[in-house]
Amino acid sequence: MRPGAVALASASLLVLGAAPGGAPPQPLPLPARMADTGGGSQLITAVAPEAGSTSGTVMWWDRVDGQWVEAGSAPARFGAKGLVEGTERKQGTNTTPTGLYGLPYAFGIKTAPRGTTYEYRRVQRDSWWCQDTDSRAYNRWTEPLARDCRAAESEHLVSYGALYAYALVVDFNYERPVKGRGAGIFLHVKGRGATAGCVSVPEDAMERILEWADPRRGPHMAIGTADGPTAITRY
């Protein structure tokens, strides 16, 4: 290459990589670096540093004029045994499934926060989530408990108190349940420690998320790690 061409190419690279004022270029927002965001204009991301982590960050995003803009963030907790690829997860392993998921509806022991537009089911005394792999109601809300669903293999929702003050159902293994892959994966209010596989955030964050989420905008939730085989950017 001619010396003049080398100089021109170098100058072009400097211009492309520089930000106004000579500052380093700003990284693209996380959703813009992901393989898929679900096709809507709202997205929740839950990121752990690595697969063995039990804590990380949840952020929620709006797509505005073709650009993803952060709408909020909160500290998050994950499964006590970390995170695992959703398609390889096994029930009872206390792992959080990674992947990109829809959010079918919300529920809670408390009244829905003012401004909530999502379908919101209020937890009653006879509200259960069936996790019995032998039941036809597997991985479904059942009220009252389905006859073929054992209580010992299910969650009596009201008994979870503050944890289920507010929650969003994550459609992991929900539309076409695979028996034994896992049931009852939610985004819910955090307790004192790691979860049994859900993602949890502080109560005020759940309130803000429910006030923000708009089903008409097709919100999804992506769960993953910062890098590696379960990196959130793969989903």
C-alpha atoms as a PDB file:
ATOM      1  CA  MET A   1       0.000   0.000   0.000  1.00  0.00           C
ATOM      2  CA  ARG A   2       1.228   3.514  -0.842  1.00  0.00           C
ATOM      3  CA  PRO A   3       2.406   5.664   2.140  1.00  0.00           C
ATOM      4  CA  GLY A   4      -0.359   8.177   1.495  1.00  0.00           C
ATOM      5  CA  ALA A   5      -2.998   5.447   1.549  1.00  0.00           C
ATOM      6  CA  VAL A   6      -1.665   4.113   4.851  1.00  0.00           C
ATOM      7  CA  ALA A   7      -1.928   7.555   6.419  1.00  0.00           C
ATOM      8  CA  LEU A   8      -5.475   8.014   5.088  1.00  0.00           C
ATOM      9  CA  ALA A   9      -6.573   4.602   6.403  1.00  0.00           C
ATOM     10  CA  SER A  10      -5.078   5.316   9.827  1.00  0.00           C
ATOM     11  CA  ALA A  11      -6.828   8.660  10.024  1.00  0.00           C
ATOM     12  CA  SER A  12     -10.121   7.046   9.058  1.00  0.00           C
ATOM     13  CA  LEU A  13      -9.789   4.463  11.830  1.00  0.00           C
ATOM     14  CA  LEU A  14      -9.100   7.196  14.367  1.00  0.00           C
ATOM     15  CA  VAL A  15     -12.177   9.092  13.285  1.00  0.00           C
ATOM     16  CA  LEU A  16     -14.402   5.999  13.400  1.00  0.00           C
ATOM     17  CA  GLY A  17     -13.185   4.957  16.842  1.00  0.00           C
ATOM     18  CA  ALA A  18     -13.257   8.358  18.468  1.00  0.00           C
ATOM     19  CA  ALA A  19     -16.083  10.017  20.320  1.00  0.00           C
ATOM     20  CA  PRO A  20     -16.650  13.791  20.488  1.00  0.00           C
ATOM     21  CA  GLY A  21     -13.912  15.489  22.471  1.00  0.00           C
ATOM     22  CA  GLY A  22     -11.504  12.616  21.976  1.00  0.00           C
ATOM     23  CA  ALA A  23     -13.248  10.407  24.575  1.00  0.00           C
ATOM     24  CA  PRO A  24     -13.177   6.636  24.026  1.00  0.00           C
ATOM     25  CA  PRO A  25     -16.159   5.221  22.089  1.00  0.00           C
ATOM     26  CA  GLN A  26     -19.160   4.271  24.197  1.00  0.00           C
ATOM     27  CA  PRO A  27     -20.183   0.577  24.168  1.00  0.00           C
ATOM     28  CA  LEU A  28     -23.516  -0.320  22.653  1.00  0.00           C
ATOM     29  CA  PRO A  29     -26.311  -0.913  25.193  1.00  0.00           C
ATOM     30  CA  LEU A  30     -26.676  -4.566  26.131  1.00  0.00           C
ATOM     31  CA  PRO A  31     -29.845  -5.289  24.094  1.00  0.00           C
ATOM     32  CA  ALA A  32     -28.126  -3.973  20.956  1.00  0.00           C
ATOM     33  CA  ARG A  33     -25.402  -6.600  21.440  1.00  0.00           C
ATOM     34  CA  MET A  34     -27.800  -9.509  21.833  1.00  0.00           C
ATOM     35  CA  ALA A  35     -28.631 -12.047  19.140  1.00  0.00           C
ATOM     36  CA  ASP A  36     -32.379 -11.668  19.778  1.00  0.00           C
ATOM     37  CA  THR A  37     -34.553  -9.511  22.009  1.00  0.00           C
ATOM     38  CA  GLY A  38     -37.923 -11.103  21.266  1.00  0.00           C
ATOM     39  CA  GLY A  39     -39.173  -8.596  18.717  1.00  0.00           C
ATOM     40  CA  GLY A  40     -40.859  -6.210  21.142  1.00  0.00           C
ATOM     41  CA  SER A  41     -39.917  -2.763  22.350  1.00  0.00           C
ATOM     42  CA  GLN A  42     -39.412  -3.686  26.021  1.00  0.00           C
ATOM     43  CA  LEU A  43     -36.832  -6.049  27.470  1.00  0.00           C
ATOM     44  CA  ILE A  44     -35.695  -7.183  30.918  1.00  0.00           C
ATOM     45  CA  THR A  45     -32.106  -8.449  31.203  1.00  0.00           C
ATOM     46  CA  ALA A  46     -30.819 -10.476  34.153  1.00  0.00           C
ATOM     47  CA  VAL A  47     -27.040 -10.884  34.118  1.00  0.00           C
ATOM     48  CA  ALA A  48     -24.753 -12.800  36.477  1.00  0.00           C
ATOM     49  CA  PRO A  49     -20.954 -12.481  36.301  1.00  0.00           C
ATOM     50  CA  GLU A  50     -20.517 -16.233  35.672  1.00  0.00           C
ATOM     51  CA  ALA A  51     -22.441 -19.496  35.715  1.00  0.00           C
ATOM     52  CA  GLY A  52     -21.664 -20.206  39.358  1.00  0.00           C
ATOM     53  CA  SER A  53     -22.814 -16.793  40.570  1.00  0.00           C
ATOM     54  CA  THR A  54     -25.861 -16.311  42.778  1.00  0.00           C
ATOM     55  CA  SER A  55     -26.092 -12.530  42.399  1.00  0.00           C
ATOM     56  CA  GLY A  56     -26.022 -10.017  39.555  1.00  0.00           C
ATOM     57  CA  THR A  57     -28.085  -7.246  38.009  1.00  0.00           C
ATOM     58  CA  VAL A  58     -31.532  -6.905  36.474  1.00  0.00           C
ATOM     59  CA  MET A  59     -32.110  -4.032  34.049  1.00  0.00           C
ATOM     60  CA  TRP A  60     -35.182  -3.078  32.063  1.00  0.00           C
ATOM     61  CA  TRP A  61     -35.070  -1.345  28.717  1.00  0.00           C
ATOM     62  CA  ASP A  62     -37.259   0.558  26.258  1.00  0.00           C
ATOM     63  CA  ARG A  63     -36.683   0.719  22.516  1.00  0.00           C
ATOM     64  CA  VAL A  64     -37.154   4.365  21.557  1.00  0.00           C
ATOM     65  CA  ASP A  65     -36.659   5.654  17.999  1.00  0.00           C
ATOM     66  CA  GLY A  66     -34.678   2.540  17.099  1.00  0.00           C
ATOM     67  CA  GLN A  67     -32.383   2.732  20.130  1.00  0.00           C
ATOM     68  CA  TRP A  68     -32.419   0.773  23.399  1.00  0.00           C
ATOM     69  CA  VAL A  69     -32.605   3.030  26.454  1.00  0.00           C
ATOM     70  CA  GLU A  70     -32.236   1.897  30.069  1.00  0.00           C
ATOM     71  CA  ALA A  71     -35.417   2.427  32.084  1.00  0.00           C
ATOM     72  CA  GLY A  72     -34.208   1.050  35.422  1.00  0.00           C
ATOM     73  CA  SER A  73     -31.940  -1.391  37.226  1.00  0.00           C
ATOM     74  CA  ALA A  74     -31.731  -3.323  40.487  1.00  0.00           C
ATOM     75  CA  PRO A  75     -29.501  -5.877  42.229  1.00  0.00           C
ATOM     76  CA  ALA A  76     -30.662  -9.438  41.607  1.00  0.00           C
ATOM     77  CA  ARG A  77     -30.329 -12.908  43.078  1.00  0.00           C
ATOM     78  CA  PHE A  78     -30.223 -16.172  41.130  1.00  0.00           C
ATOM     79  CA  GLY A  79     -30.407 -19.864  41.955  1.00  0.00           C
ATOM     80  CA  ALA A  80     -28.366 -21.215  44.864  1.00  0.00           C
ATOM     81  CA  LYS A  81     -26.483 -23.432  42.390  1.00  0.00           C
ATOM     82  CA  GLY A  82     -25.979 -20.676  39.816  1.00  0.00           C
ATOM     83  CA  LEU A  83     -27.182 -20.622  36.217  1.00  0.00           C
ATOM     84  CA  VAL A  84     -27.461 -23.316  33.557  1.00  0.00           C
ATOM     85  CA  GLU A  85     -28.503 -23.463  29.904  1.00  0.00           C
ATOM     86  CA  GLY A  86     -32.304 -23.581  29.917  1.00  0.00           C
ATOM     87  CA  THR A  87     -32.580 -26.506  27.521  1.00  0.00           C
ATOM     88  CA  GLU A  88     -30.340 -28.614  29.781  1.00  0.00           C
ATOM     89  CA  ARG A  89     -31.864 -27.702  33.136  1.00  0.00           C
ATOM     90  CA  LYS A  90     -33.269 -30.347  35.470  1.00  0.00           C
ATOM     91  CA  GLN A  91     -35.981 -29.812  38.064  1.00  0.00           C
ATOM     92  CA  GLY A  92     -34.910 -29.549  41.688  1.00  0.00           C
ATOM     93  CA  THR A  93     -31.336 -28.458  40.925  1.00  0.00           C
ATOM     94  CA  ASN A  94     -31.700 -24.909  42.321  1.00  0.00           C
ATOM     95  CA  THR A  95     -30.335 -23.478  39.073  1.00  0.00           C
ATOM     96  CA  THR A  96     -31.662 -20.521  37.094  1.00  0.00           C
ATOM     97  CA  PRO A  97     -32.318 -21.315  33.412  1.00  0.00           C
ATOM     98  CA  THR A  98     -30.596 -19.048  30.892  1.00  0.00           C
ATOM     99  CA  GLY A  99     -32.311 -18.015  27.674  1.00  0.00           C
ATOM    100  CA  LEU A 100     -34.813 -15.570  26.209  1.00  0.00           C
ATOM    101  CA  TYR A 101     -38.368 -15.906  27.490  1.00  0.00           C
ATOM    102  CA  GLY A 102     -41.795 -14.333  27.236  1.00  0.00           C
ATOM    103  CA  LEU A 103     -43.678 -13.047  30.266  1.00  0.00           C
ATOM    104  CA  PRO A 104     -47.247 -14.465  30.145  1.00  0.00           C
ATOM    105  CA  TYR A 105     -48.765 -12.696  33.158  1.00  0.00           C
ATOM    106  CA  ALA A 106     -48.127 -11.259  36.614  1.00  0.00           C
ATOM    107  CA  PHE A 107     -49.410 -12.296  40.018  1.00  0.00           C
ATOM    108  CA  GLY A 108     -49.043 -11.391  43.639  1.00  0.00           C
ATOM    109  CA  ILE A 109     -50.247 -11.612  47.197  1.00  0.00           C
ATOM    110  CA  LYS A 110     -50.532  -7.830  47.271  1.00  0.00           C
ATOM    111  CA  THR A 111     -52.790  -5.716  45.089  1.00  0.00           C
ATOM    112  CA  ALA A 112     -51.206  -4.825  41.750  1.00  0.00           C
ATOM    113  CA  PRO A 113     -49.186  -1.599  41.846  1.00  0.00           C
ATOM    114  CA  ARG A 114     -51.071   1.416  40.534  1.00  0.00           C
ATOM    115  CA  GLY A 115     -50.578   1.717  36.782  1.00  0.00           C
ATOM    116  CA  THR A 116     -50.106  -2.025  36.167  1.00  0.00           C
ATOM    117  CA  THR A 117     -51.433  -2.966  32.695  1.00  0.00           C
ATOM    118  CA  TYR A 118     -50.320  -6.605  32.713  1.00  0.00           C
ATOM    119  CA  GLU A 119     -52.844  -9.341  33.430  1.00  0.00           C
ATOM    120  CA  TYR A 120     -52.476  -9.666  37.196  1.00  0.00           C
ATOM    121  CA  ARG A 121     -53.729 -12.628  39.203  1.00  0.00           C
ATOM    122  CA  ARG A 122     -54.251 -12.027  42.895  1.00  0.00           C
ATOM    123  CA  VAL A 123     -53.065 -14.926  45.036  1.00  0.00           C
ATOM    124  CA  GLN A 124     -55.854 -16.550  47.056  1.00  0.00           C
ATOM    125  CA  ARG A 125     -55.804 -19.106  49.860  1.00  0.00           C
ATOM    126  CA  ASP A 126     -56.312 -21.950  47.380  1.00  0.00           C
ATOM    127  CA  SER A 127     -53.825 -20.734  44.719  1.00  0.00           C
ATOM    128  CA  TRP A 128     -51.102 -23.247  43.850  1.00  0.00           C
ATOM    129  CA  TRP A 129     -48.366 -23.716  41.267  1.00  0.00           C
ATOM    130  CA  CYS A 130     -48.218 -27.382  40.290  1.00  0.00           C
ATOM    131  CA  GLN A 131     -44.728 -28.877  39.999  1.00  0.00           C
ATOM    132  CA  ASP A 132     -45.785 -32.512  40.067  1.00  0.00           C
ATOM    133  CA  THR A 133     -44.343 -34.196  36.989  1.00  0.00           C
ATOM    134  CA  ASP A 134     -47.150 -36.764  37.046  1.00  0.00           C
ATOM    135  CA  SER A 135     -49.886 -34.137  36.834  1.00  0.00           C
ATOM    136  CA  ARG A 136     -51.653 -32.768  33.769  1.00  0.00           C
ATOM    137  CA  ALA A 137     -51.404 -29.375  35.509  1.00  0.00           C
ATOM    138  CA  TYR A 138     -47.581 -29.504  35.557  1.00  0.00           C
ATOM    139  CA  ASN A 139     -46.039 -26.019  35.533  1.00  0.00           C
ATOM    140  CA  ARG A 140     -49.408 -24.303  35.755  1.00  0.00           C
ATOM    141  CA  TRP A 141     -51.331 -22.127  38.201  1.00  0.00           C
ATOM    142  CA  THR A 142     -54.119 -24.234  39.651  1.00  0.00           C
ATOM    143  CA  GLU A 143     -56.921 -22.953  41.851  1.00  0.00           C
ATOM    144  CA  PRO A 144     -57.760 -25.026  43.780  1.00  0.00           C
ATOM    145  CA  LEU A 145     -54.999 -27.625  43.619  1.00  0.00           C
ATOM    146  CA  ALA A 146     -55.648 -30.048  40.761  1.00  0.00           C
ATOM    147  CA  ARG A 147     -56.770 -33.492  41.906  1.00  0.00           C
ATOM    148  CA  ASP A 148     -53.847 -35.238  40.216  1.00  0.00           C
ATOM    149  CA  CYS A 149     -51.276 -32.764  41.586  1.00  0.00           C
ATOM    150  CA  ARG A 150     -49.619 -33.621  44.892  1.00  0.00           C
ATOM    151  CA  ALA A 151     -49.348 -30.739  47.355  1.00  0.00           C
ATOM    152  CA  ALA A 152     -45.909 -31.960  48.438  1.00  0.00           C
ATOM    153  CA  GLU A 153     -44.731 -31.453  44.853  1.00  0.00           C
ATOM    154  CA  SER A 154     -46.233 -27.988  44.430  1.00  0.00           C
ATOM    155  CA  GLU A 155     -46.020 -24.413  45.714  1.00  0.00           C
ATOM    156  CA  HIS A 156     -48.832 -23.072  47.887  1.00  0.00           C
ATOM    157  CA  LEU A 157     -48.389 -19.517  46.641  1.00  0.00           C
ATOM    158  CA  VAL A 158     -49.806 -17.657  49.610  1.00  0.00           C
ATOM    159  CA  SER A 159     -47.339 -19.382  51.948  1.00  0.00           C
ATOM    160  CA  TYR A 160     -44.418 -17.593  50.284  1.00  0.00           C
ATOM    161  CA  GLY A 161     -45.383 -14.302  51.887  1.00  0.00           C
ATOM    162  CA  ALA A 162     -43.202 -11.337  50.927  1.00  0.00           C
ATOM    163  CA  LEU A 163     -41.401 -13.285  48.184  1.00  0.00           C
ATOM    164  CA  TYR A 164     -44.567 -13.424  46.115  1.00  0.00           C
ATOM    165  CA  ALA A 165     -45.864  -9.986  47.023  1.00  0.00           C
ATOM    166  CA  TYR A 166     -45.364  -9.306  43.301  1.00  0.00           C
ATOM    167  CA  ALA A 167     -44.145 -11.604  40.540  1.00  0.00           C
ATOM    168  CA  LEU A 168     -43.971 -12.089  36.779  1.00  0.00           C
ATOM    169  CA  VAL A 169     -44.278 -15.565  35.296  1.00  0.00           C
ATOM    170  CA  VAL A 170     -41.297 -16.441  33.087  1.00  0.00           C
ATOM    171  CA  ASP A 171     -42.344 -18.779  30.292  1.00  0.00           C
ATOM    172  CA  PHE A 172     -39.444 -21.164  30.790  1.00  0.00           C
ATOM    173  CA  ASN A 173     -40.824 -24.665  30.044  1.00  0.00           C
ATOM    174  CA  TYR A 174     -44.288 -23.140  30.070  1.00  0.00           C
ATOM    175  CA  GLU A 175     -45.860 -23.239  26.611  1.00  0.00           C
ATOM    176  CA  ARG A 176     -44.999 -26.891  25.958  1.00  0.00           C
ATOM    177  CA  PRO A 177     -43.801 -28.239  29.314  1.00  0.00           C
ATOM    178  CA  VAL A 178     -41.163 -30.969  29.319  1.00  0.00           C
ATOM    179  CA  LYS A 179     -41.695 -33.054  32.455  1.00  0.00           C
ATOM    180  CA  GLY A 180     -38.701 -32.819  34.758  1.00  0.00           C
ATOM    181  CA  ARG A 181     -37.097 -29.769  33.164  1.00  0.00           C
ATOM    182  CA  GLY A 182     -38.482 -27.409  35.767  1.00  0.00           C
ATOM    183  CA  ALA A 183     -41.542 -25.499  36.866  1.00  0.00           C
ATOM    184  CA  GLY A 184     -42.395 -22.262  38.597  1.00  0.00           C
ATOM    185  CA  ILE A 185     -39.700 -19.918  37.326  1.00  0.00           C
ATOM    186  CA  PHE A 186     -40.612 -16.335  38.193  1.00  0.00           C
ATOM    187  CA  LEU A 187     -39.193 -12.853  38.533  1.00  0.00           C
ATOM    188  CA  HIS A 188     -40.210 -12.039  42.094  1.00  0.00           C
ATOM    189  CA  VAL A 189     -39.344 -10.167  45.274  1.00  0.00           C
ATOM    190  CA  LYS A 190     -36.049 -11.213  46.831  1.00  0.00           C
ATOM    191  CA  GLY A 191     -35.593 -12.774  50.234  1.00  0.00           C
ATOM    192  CA  ARG A 192     -32.466 -13.105  52.340  1.00  0.00           C
ATOM    193  CA  GLY A 193     -30.478 -15.275  49.988  1.00  0.00           C
ATOM    194  CA  ALA A 194     -30.308 -17.067  46.662  1.00  0.00           C
ATOM    195  CA  THR A 195     -33.389 -18.582  45.034  1.00  0.00           C
ATOM    196  CA  ALA A 196     -34.451 -22.096  44.071  1.00  0.00           C
ATOM    197  CA  GLY A 197     -34.085 -21.127  40.392  1.00  0.00           C
ATOM    198  CA  CYS A 198     -36.034 -17.896  39.998  1.00  0.00           C
ATOM    199  CA  VAL A 199     -34.640 -14.379  39.603  1.00  0.00           C
ATOM    200  CA  SER A 200     -35.396 -12.030  42.484  1.00  0.00           C
ATOM    201  CA  VAL A 201     -35.117  -8.275  43.007  1.00  0.00           C
ATOM    202  CA  PRO A 202     -36.071  -5.855  45.825  1.00  0.00           C
ATOM    203  CA  GLU A 203     -39.794  -5.218  46.289  1.00  0.00           C
ATOM    204  CA  ASP A 204     -39.615  -1.603  45.119  1.00  0.00           C
ATOM    205  CA  ALA A 205     -37.945  -2.802  41.901  1.00  0.00           C
ATOM    206  CA  MET A 206     -40.760  -5.302  41.276  1.00  0.00           C
ATOM    207  CA  GLU A 207     -43.276  -2.506  41.752  1.00  0.00           C
ATOM    208  CA  ARG A 208     -41.444  -0.332  39.228  1.00  0.00           C
ATOM    209  CA  ILE A 209     -41.178  -3.191  36.739  1.00  0.00           C
ATOM    210  CA  LEU A 210     -44.912  -3.927  36.941  1.00  0.00           C
ATOM    211  CA  GLU A 211     -45.759  -0.246  36.515  1.00  0.00           C
ATOM    212  CA  TRP A 212     -43.412  -0.087  33.502  1.00  0.00           C
ATOM    213  CA  ALA A 213     -44.199  -3.370  31.703  1.00  0.00           C
ATOM    214  CA  ASP A 214     -46.732  -3.026  28.898  1.00  0.00           C
ATOM    215  CA  PRO A 215     -47.976  -6.271  27.287  1.00  0.00           C
ATOM    216  CA  ARG A 216     -48.804  -4.355  24.091  1.00  0.00           C
ATOM    217  CA  ARG A 217     -45.078  -3.749  23.641  1.00  0.00           C
ATOM    218  CA  GLY A 218     -44.121  -7.428  23.709  1.00  0.00           C
ATOM    219  CA  PRO A 219     -41.755  -7.506  26.695  1.00  0.00           C
ATOM    220  CA  HIS A 220     -39.375 -10.433  27.079  1.00  0.00           C
ATOM    221  CA  MET A 221     -36.814 -11.431  29.678  1.00  0.00           C
ATOM    222  CA  ALA A 222     -33.284 -12.542  28.859  1.00  0.00           C
ATOM    223  CA  ILE A 223     -31.252 -14.388  31.500  1.00  0.00           C
ATOM    224  CA  GLY A 224     -27.563 -15.137  31.130  1.00  0.00           C
ATOM    225  CA  THR A 225     -23.985 -14.575  32.162  1.00  0.00           C
ATOM    226  CA  ALA A 226     -21.551 -11.817  31.251  1.00  0.00           C
ATOM    227  CA  ASP A 227     -19.679 -14.165  28.892  1.00  0.00           C
ATOM    228  CA  GLY A 228     -18.991 -17.826  28.202  1.00  0.00           C
ATOM    229  CA  PRO A 229     -21.377 -20.524  26.873  1.00  0.00           C
ATOM    230  CA  THR A 230     -24.366 -18.983  28.679  1.00  0.00           C
ATOM    231  CA  ALA A 231     -23.544 -15.365  27.766  1.00  0.00           C
ATOM    232  CA  ILE A 232     -26.683 -13.259  27.574  1.00  0.00           C
ATOM    233  CA  THR A 233     -25.570 -11.890  24.190  1.00  0.00           C
ATOM    234  CA  ARG A 234     -26.085 -15.386  22.703  1.00  0.00           C
ATOM    235  CA  TYR A 235     -29.837 -15.209  23.239  1.00  0.00           C
END
